[in-house]
C-alpha atoms as a PDB file:
ATOM      1  CA  MET A   1      28.946 181.028 266.251  1.00  0.00           C
ATOM      2  CA  LEU A   2      26.376 183.321 267.897  1.00  0.00           C
ATOM      3  CA  ALA A   3      25.895 185.318 264.675  1.00  0.00           C
ATOM      4  CA  GLU A   4      25.274 182.086 262.778  1.00  0.00           C
ATOM      5  CA  SER A   5      22.574 181.045 265.250  1.00  0.00           C
ATOM      6  CA  PHE A   6      20.791 184.379 264.629  1.00  0.00           C
ATOM      7  CA  ARG A   7      21.011 183.825 260.869  1.00  0.00           C
ATOM      8  CA  GLN A   8      19.521 180.327 261.262  1.00  0.00           C
ATOM      9  CA  THR A   9      16.718 181.737 263.427  1.00  0.00           C
ATOM     10  CA  LEU A  10      16.091 184.407 260.794  1.00  0.00           C
ATOM     11  CA  THR A  11      15.908 181.740 258.085  1.00  0.00           C
ATOM     12  CA  SER A  12      13.241 179.910 260.077  1.00  0.00           C
ATOM     13  CA  ILE A  13      11.264 183.120 260.583  1.00  0.00           C
ATOM     14  CA  LEU A  14      11.461 184.112 256.917  1.00  0.00           C
ATOM     15  CA  ARG A  15      10.259 180.683 255.769  1.00  0.00           C
ATOM     16  CA  THR A  16       6.959 181.315 257.541  1.00  0.00           C
ATOM     17  CA  LYS A  17       6.534 184.824 256.067  1.00  0.00           C
ATOM     18  CA  PRO A  18       3.499 184.954 253.765  1.00  0.00           C
ATOM     19  CA  ILE A  19       4.424 185.954 250.212  1.00  0.00           C
ATOM     20  CA  GLY A  20       3.610 189.604 249.556  1.00  0.00           C
ATOM     21  CA  HIS A  21       3.135 190.478 253.219  1.00  0.00           C
ATOM     22  CA  ASN A  22       5.307 192.458 255.600  1.00  0.00           C
ATOM     23  CA  PRO A  23       4.710 190.919 259.006  1.00  0.00           C
ATOM     24  CA  VAL A  24       5.315 192.584 262.354  1.00  0.00           C
ATOM     25  CA  TYR A  25       7.372 190.614 264.847  1.00  0.00           C
ATOM     26  CA  VAL A  26       7.042 191.276 268.570  1.00  0.00           C
ATOM     27  CA  ILE A  27       9.691 189.943 270.928  1.00  0.00           C
ATOM     28  CA  THR A  28       8.678 189.770 274.578  1.00  0.00           C
ATOM     29  CA  SER A  29       9.302 187.827 277.766  1.00  0.00           C
ATOM     30  CA  VAL A  30       8.068 187.725 281.340  1.00  0.00           C
ATOM     31  CA  GLY A  31      11.074 189.332 282.967  1.00  0.00           C
ATOM     32  CA  PRO A  32      14.130 191.514 282.532  1.00  0.00           C
ATOM     33  CA  GLY A  33      17.484 190.144 281.440  1.00  0.00           C
ATOM     34  CA  GLU A  34      16.127 187.380 279.236  1.00  0.00           C
ATOM     35  CA  GLY A  35      17.708 188.568 275.980  1.00  0.00           C
ATOM     36  CA  LYS A  36      14.948 190.521 274.233  1.00  0.00           C
ATOM     37  CA  THR A  37      17.213 193.406 273.233  1.00  0.00           C
ATOM     38  CA  THR A  38      20.014 191.098 272.103  1.00  0.00           C
ATOM     39  CA  LEU A  39      17.620 188.991 270.048  1.00  0.00           C
ATOM     40  CA  CYS A  40      15.897 191.994 268.436  1.00  0.00           C
ATOM     41  CA  ALA A  41      19.140 193.795 267.588  1.00  0.00           C
ATOM     42  CA  ASN A  42      20.794 190.736 266.085  1.00  0.00           C
ATOM     43  CA  LEU A  43      17.744 189.666 264.089  1.00  0.00           C
ATOM     44  CA  ALA A  44      17.415 193.219 262.729  1.00  0.00           C
ATOM     45  CA  ILE A  45      21.091 193.214 261.727  1.00  0.00           C
ATOM     46  CA  ALA A  46      20.730 189.808 260.046  1.00  0.00           C
ATOM     47  CA  MET A  47      17.599 190.953 258.178  1.00  0.00           C
ATOM     48  CA  ALA A  48      19.292 194.154 256.988  1.00  0.00           C
ATOM     49  CA  ALA A  49      22.331 192.148 255.882  1.00  0.00           C
ATOM     50  CA  ILE A  50      20.195 190.171 253.413  1.00  0.00           C
ATOM     51  CA  GLY A  51      18.527 193.294 252.048  1.00  0.00           C
ATOM     52  CA  GLN A  52      15.296 193.277 254.053  1.00  0.00           C
ATOM     53  CA  ARG A  53      13.842 196.618 255.122  1.00  0.00           C
ATOM     54  CA  VAL A  54      13.822 196.808 258.917  1.00  0.00           C
ATOM     55  CA  LEU A  55      12.132 199.131 261.370  1.00  0.00           C
ATOM     56  CA  LEU A  56      13.269 198.382 264.898  1.00  0.00           C
ATOM     57  CA  VAL A  57      11.228 200.034 267.657  1.00  0.00           C
ATOM     58  CA  ASP A  58      12.395 199.853 271.266  1.00  0.00           C
ATOM     59  CA  ALA A  59       9.065 199.876 273.092  1.00  0.00           C
ATOM     60  CA  ASP A  60      10.510 199.223 276.550  1.00  0.00           C
ATOM     61  CA  LEU A  61       9.472 202.502 278.163  1.00  0.00           C
ATOM     62  CA  ARG A  62      11.195 201.708 281.481  1.00  0.00           C
ATOM     63  CA  SER A  63      14.631 200.625 280.301  1.00  0.00           C
ATOM     64  CA  ALA A  64      15.103 201.132 276.571  1.00  0.00           C
ATOM     65  CA  ARG A  65      18.530 199.851 275.526  1.00  0.00           C
ATOM     66  CA  LEU A  66      18.696 199.779 271.722  1.00  0.00           C
ATOM     67  CA  GLN A  67      20.161 203.286 271.654  1.00  0.00           C
ATOM     68  CA  ALA A  68      23.138 202.038 273.664  1.00  0.00           C
ATOM     69  CA  VAL A  69      23.431 198.789 271.675  1.00  0.00           C
ATOM     70  CA  PHE A  70      23.766 200.693 268.397  1.00  0.00           C
ATOM     71  CA  ASP A  71      25.855 203.477 270.013  1.00  0.00           C
ATOM     72  CA  LEU A  72      23.410 206.183 268.911  1.00  0.00           C
ATOM     73  CA  PRO A  73      23.354 209.762 270.193  1.00  0.00           C
ATOM     74  CA  GLU A  74      20.735 210.897 272.703  1.00  0.00           C
ATOM     75  CA  CYS A  75      17.508 211.553 270.842  1.00  0.00           C
ATOM     76  CA  LYS A  76      13.749 211.492 271.170  1.00  0.00           C
ATOM     77  CA  GLY A  77      12.170 208.190 272.091  1.00  0.00           C
ATOM     78  CA  LEU A  78       8.935 206.284 271.615  1.00  0.00           C
ATOM     79  CA  SER A  79       7.198 207.998 274.542  1.00  0.00           C
ATOM     80  CA  ASP A  80       8.107 211.385 273.006  1.00  0.00           C
ATOM     81  CA  LEU A  81       6.594 210.285 269.705  1.00  0.00           C
ATOM     82  CA  LEU A  82       3.416 209.053 271.359  1.00  0.00           C
ATOM     83  CA  THR A  83       2.876 212.203 273.452  1.00  0.00           C
ATOM     84  CA  SER A  84       3.942 214.836 270.907  1.00  0.00           C
ATOM     85  CA  LYS A  85       1.339 217.048 269.258  1.00  0.00           C
ATOM     86  CA  ASN A  86       3.510 217.200 266.102  1.00  0.00           C
ATOM     87  CA  PRO A  87       5.602 214.004 266.154  1.00  0.00           C
ATOM     88  CA  PHE A  88       7.026 214.401 262.662  1.00  0.00           C
ATOM     89  CA  GLY A  89       7.856 218.103 262.813  1.00  0.00           C
ATOM     90  CA  ASP A  90      11.352 219.510 263.150  1.00  0.00           C
ATOM     91  CA  GLU A  91      12.359 217.049 265.849  1.00  0.00           C
ATOM     92  CA  LEU A  92      15.364 214.767 265.484  1.00  0.00           C
ATOM     93  CA  TRP A  93      14.576 211.081 264.917  1.00  0.00           C
ATOM     94  CA  VAL A  94      17.471 208.675 264.407  1.00  0.00           C
ATOM     95  CA  SER A  95      17.775 206.499 261.339  1.00  0.00           C
ATOM     96  CA  ILE A  96      20.655 204.093 260.764  1.00  0.00           C
END
């Protein structure tokens, strides 16, 4: 039932997408524990399931959790990318 609610939310979001544009969606809230990571992860999964291209960036520099949600290995993060002199060099960036 939870997965279906994410698909319905995605349908509502996609209906407002301008034709020919690739919008950026930002999910935020005032405090921790309000479901931002859960919402982002599930919407990204639902979008990928219908063939949409998805780039999911965990920009929570204090407590990033998407790596754990997707059971990914330890790797460089957003702060590493932003502070690196050569961000796209030989470093390991995760793609799923």
